[in-house]
Each structure stands twice: as C-alpha cells, then as structure tokens.
Amino acid sequence: MEKKSIRVTILGREYPLRVENEEKALKVVAYVDSLLNELIEKNPGAPTSTIAVIAALNIAEQLFDLKEHVQNEGIDIADLVGVLSYLRESFPIEEAN
C-alpha cells in the first residue's frame, strides 16, 4: 500500500506524518490529542513534557494490558509483534520543518 503524507494537529501543533491508512491515522491522532488534553486538564500547570511522558506511560500500560490479555487468550505473541511492527511502519513520525 502506498504511503500518503498528511498533516495533523496535536495540542495545537501541526505535525507531518506519512501513513498508509489515513482514516486509522486520524483516529490515532484524535485519541492521542484527547488523552493529552485530558491530562492537561487534570494536571494544570504541568509542563508539556511531563504531560507527554504521562501519556506515553498510559498508552504503554494499555499496550501491556493488551499483551497480557492476548497471552491469556492463547494468541501467538509473534502475531502480536507482527501487528506492532505493522503499526510502527504505518505511522512513522516525520520531523517538523
């Protein structure tokens, strides 16, 4: 599948992305932006870098919970790794100019 360049906005800042699935990418961006805004609301005055770390930890915890669920359900971890690799390739982050 061919990658498409799009621009997205997270916390009011624009970022260029190259994606294979624009619809999915926009859902991911909306999720991240929503989570960051929620954390800012709960932690007024916290630096953006702190908010970003808290968000990364929250998302990582969700990933670990998913991995645990997958393992408990007997799904092959290699399949999950394949999915994660696909996601990493599908949503590379380009540096802003």
C-alpha atoms as a PDB file:
ATOM      1  CA  MET A   1       0.000   0.000   0.000  1.00  0.00           C
ATOM      2  CA  GLU A   2       1.297   3.451  -0.882  1.00  0.00           C
ATOM      3  CA  LYS A   3       2.023   5.913   1.898  1.00  0.00           C
ATOM      4  CA  LYS A   4       0.332   9.288   1.925  1.00  0.00           C
ATOM      5  CA  SER A   5       1.646  12.482   3.511  1.00  0.00           C
ATOM      6  CA  ILE A   6      -0.794  14.202   5.837  1.00  0.00           C
ATOM      7  CA  ARG A   7      -0.587  16.978   8.405  1.00  0.00           C
ATOM      8  CA  VAL A   8      -2.192  16.514  11.800  1.00  0.00           C
ATOM      9  CA  THR A   9      -2.643  18.755  14.812  1.00  0.00           C
ATOM     10  CA  ILE A  10      -1.939  17.603  18.345  1.00  0.00           C
ATOM     11  CA  LEU A  11      -2.258  20.108  21.194  1.00  0.00           C
ATOM     12  CA  GLY A  12      -2.491  22.898  18.655  1.00  0.00           C
ATOM     13  CA  ARG A  13       0.819  21.992  16.992  1.00  0.00           C
ATOM     14  CA  GLU A  14       0.960  20.670  13.451  1.00  0.00           C
ATOM     15  CA  TYR A  15       2.938  17.534  12.583  1.00  0.00           C
ATOM     16  CA  PRO A  16       3.623  15.914   9.202  1.00  0.00           C
ATOM     17  CA  LEU A  17       3.015  12.152   9.014  1.00  0.00           C
ATOM     18  CA  ARG A  18       3.347   9.534   6.285  1.00  0.00           C
ATOM     19  CA  VAL A  19       0.618   6.939   6.620  1.00  0.00           C
ATOM     20  CA  GLU A  20      -0.801   4.005   4.721  1.00  0.00           C
ATOM     21  CA  ASN A  21      -4.267   4.329   6.222  1.00  0.00           C
ATOM     22  CA  GLU A  22      -5.345   7.945   6.677  1.00  0.00           C
ATOM     23  CA  GLU A  23      -8.596   7.082   8.449  1.00  0.00           C
ATOM     24  CA  LYS A  24      -6.786   4.979  11.047  1.00  0.00           C
ATOM     25  CA  ALA A  25      -4.073   7.599  11.476  1.00  0.00           C
ATOM     26  CA  LEU A  26      -6.659  10.287  12.141  1.00  0.00           C
ATOM     27  CA  LYS A  27      -8.300   8.066  14.769  1.00  0.00           C
ATOM     28  CA  VAL A  28      -4.927   7.535  16.466  1.00  0.00           C
ATOM     29  CA  VAL A  29      -4.201  11.269  16.375  1.00  0.00           C
ATOM     30  CA  ALA A  30      -7.625  12.061  17.831  1.00  0.00           C
ATOM     31  CA  TYR A  31      -7.025   9.523  20.614  1.00  0.00           C
ATOM     32  CA  VAL A  32      -3.597  10.939  21.487  1.00  0.00           C
ATOM     33  CA  ASP A  33      -4.806  14.541  21.328  1.00  0.00           C
ATOM     34  CA  SER A  34      -7.797  13.695  23.532  1.00  0.00           C
ATOM     35  CA  LEU A  35      -5.602  11.907  26.077  1.00  0.00           C
ATOM     36  CA  LEU A  36      -3.125  14.791  26.203  1.00  0.00           C
ATOM     37  CA  ASN A  37      -5.908  17.346  26.652  1.00  0.00           C
ATOM     38  CA  GLU A  38      -7.465  15.225  29.412  1.00  0.00           C
ATOM     39  CA  LEU A  39      -4.117  15.031  31.220  1.00  0.00           C
ATOM     40  CA  ILE A  40      -3.563  18.780  30.867  1.00  0.00           C
ATOM     41  CA  GLU A  41      -6.988  19.362  32.404  1.00  0.00           C
ATOM     42  CA  LYS A  42      -6.171  17.022  35.318  1.00  0.00           C
ATOM     43  CA  ASN A  43      -2.658  18.464  35.808  1.00  0.00           C
ATOM     44  CA  PRO A  44      -2.922  22.223  35.305  1.00  0.00           C
ATOM     45  CA  GLY A  45       0.429  23.960  35.115  1.00  0.00           C
ATOM     46  CA  ALA A  46       2.367  20.768  34.397  1.00  0.00           C
ATOM     47  CA  PRO A  47       4.987  21.142  31.656  1.00  0.00           C
ATOM     48  CA  THR A  48       4.055  19.712  28.270  1.00  0.00           C
ATOM     49  CA  SER A  49       6.996  17.306  28.515  1.00  0.00           C
ATOM     50  CA  THR A  50       5.564  15.890  31.763  1.00  0.00           C
ATOM     51  CA  ILE A  51       2.142  15.523  30.143  1.00  0.00           C
ATOM     52  CA  ALA A  52       3.738  13.722  27.178  1.00  0.00           C
ATOM     53  CA  VAL A  53       5.558  11.284  29.498  1.00  0.00           C
ATOM     54  CA  ILE A  54       2.372  10.566  31.464  1.00  0.00           C
ATOM     55  CA  ALA A  55       0.501   9.979  28.192  1.00  0.00           C
ATOM     56  CA  ALA A  56       3.247   7.647  26.936  1.00  0.00           C
ATOM     57  CA  LEU A  57       3.082   5.694  30.202  1.00  0.00           C
ATOM     58  CA  ASN A  58      -0.711   5.439  29.963  1.00  0.00           C
ATOM     59  CA  ILE A  59      -0.547   4.177  26.379  1.00  0.00           C
ATOM     60  CA  ALA A  60       2.274   1.756  27.258  1.00  0.00           C
ATOM     61  CA  GLU A  61       0.180   0.411  30.145  1.00  0.00           C
ATOM     62  CA  GLN A  62      -2.724  -0.153  27.756  1.00  0.00           C
ATOM     63  CA  LEU A  63      -0.358  -1.983  25.402  1.00  0.00           C
ATOM     64  CA  PHE A  64       0.940  -4.187  28.216  1.00  0.00           C
ATOM     65  CA  ASP A  65      -2.641  -4.923  29.307  1.00  0.00           C
ATOM     66  CA  LEU A  66      -3.464  -5.884  25.720  1.00  0.00           C
ATOM     67  CA  LYS A  67      -0.394  -8.137  25.514  1.00  0.00           C
ATOM     68  CA  GLU A  68      -1.391  -9.804  28.782  1.00  0.00           C
ATOM     69  CA  HIS A  69      -4.933 -10.323  27.528  1.00  0.00           C
ATOM     70  CA  VAL A  70      -3.643 -11.738  24.243  1.00  0.00           C
ATOM     71  CA  GLN A  71      -1.328 -14.152  26.082  1.00  0.00           C
ATOM     72  CA  ASN A  72      -4.133 -15.244  28.410  1.00  0.00           C
ATOM     73  CA  GLU A  73      -6.352 -15.925  25.411  1.00  0.00           C
ATOM     74  CA  GLY A  74      -3.663 -18.091  23.802  1.00  0.00           C
ATOM     75  CA  ILE A  75      -2.984 -15.799  20.840  1.00  0.00           C
ATOM     76  CA  ASP A  76       0.527 -16.221  19.454  1.00  0.00           C
ATOM     77  CA  ILE A  77       2.794 -13.405  20.652  1.00  0.00           C
ATOM     78  CA  ALA A  78       4.588 -13.483  17.280  1.00  0.00           C
ATOM     79  CA  ASP A  79       1.314 -12.411  15.658  1.00  0.00           C
ATOM     80  CA  LEU A  80       1.088  -9.511  18.096  1.00  0.00           C
ATOM     81  CA  VAL A  81       4.671  -8.497  17.355  1.00  0.00           C
ATOM     82  CA  GLY A  82       3.768  -8.522  13.668  1.00  0.00           C
ATOM     83  CA  VAL A  83       0.829  -6.217  14.336  1.00  0.00           C
ATOM     84  CA  LEU A  84       3.010  -3.871  16.382  1.00  0.00           C
ATOM     85  CA  SER A  85       5.638  -3.799  13.634  1.00  0.00           C
ATOM     86  CA  TYR A  86       2.943  -3.000  11.097  1.00  0.00           C
ATOM     87  CA  LEU A  87       1.688  -0.130  13.257  1.00  0.00           C
ATOM     88  CA  ARG A  88       5.217   1.240  13.670  1.00  0.00           C
ATOM     89  CA  GLU A  89       5.730   1.146   9.900  1.00  0.00           C
ATOM     90  CA  SER A  90       2.288   2.585   9.178  1.00  0.00           C
ATOM     91  CA  PHE A  91       2.699   5.581  11.477  1.00  0.00           C
ATOM     92  CA  PRO A  92       6.277   6.830  11.188  1.00  0.00           C
ATOM     93  CA  ILE A  93       6.815  10.264  12.661  1.00  0.00           C
ATOM     94  CA  GLU A  94       8.480  12.784  10.401  1.00  0.00           C
ATOM     95  CA  GLU A  95      10.458  15.650  11.861  1.00  0.00           C
ATOM     96  CA  ALA A  96       8.742  19.029  11.618  1.00  0.00           C
ATOM     97  CA  ASN A  97      10.457  21.543   9.342  1.00  0.00           C
END
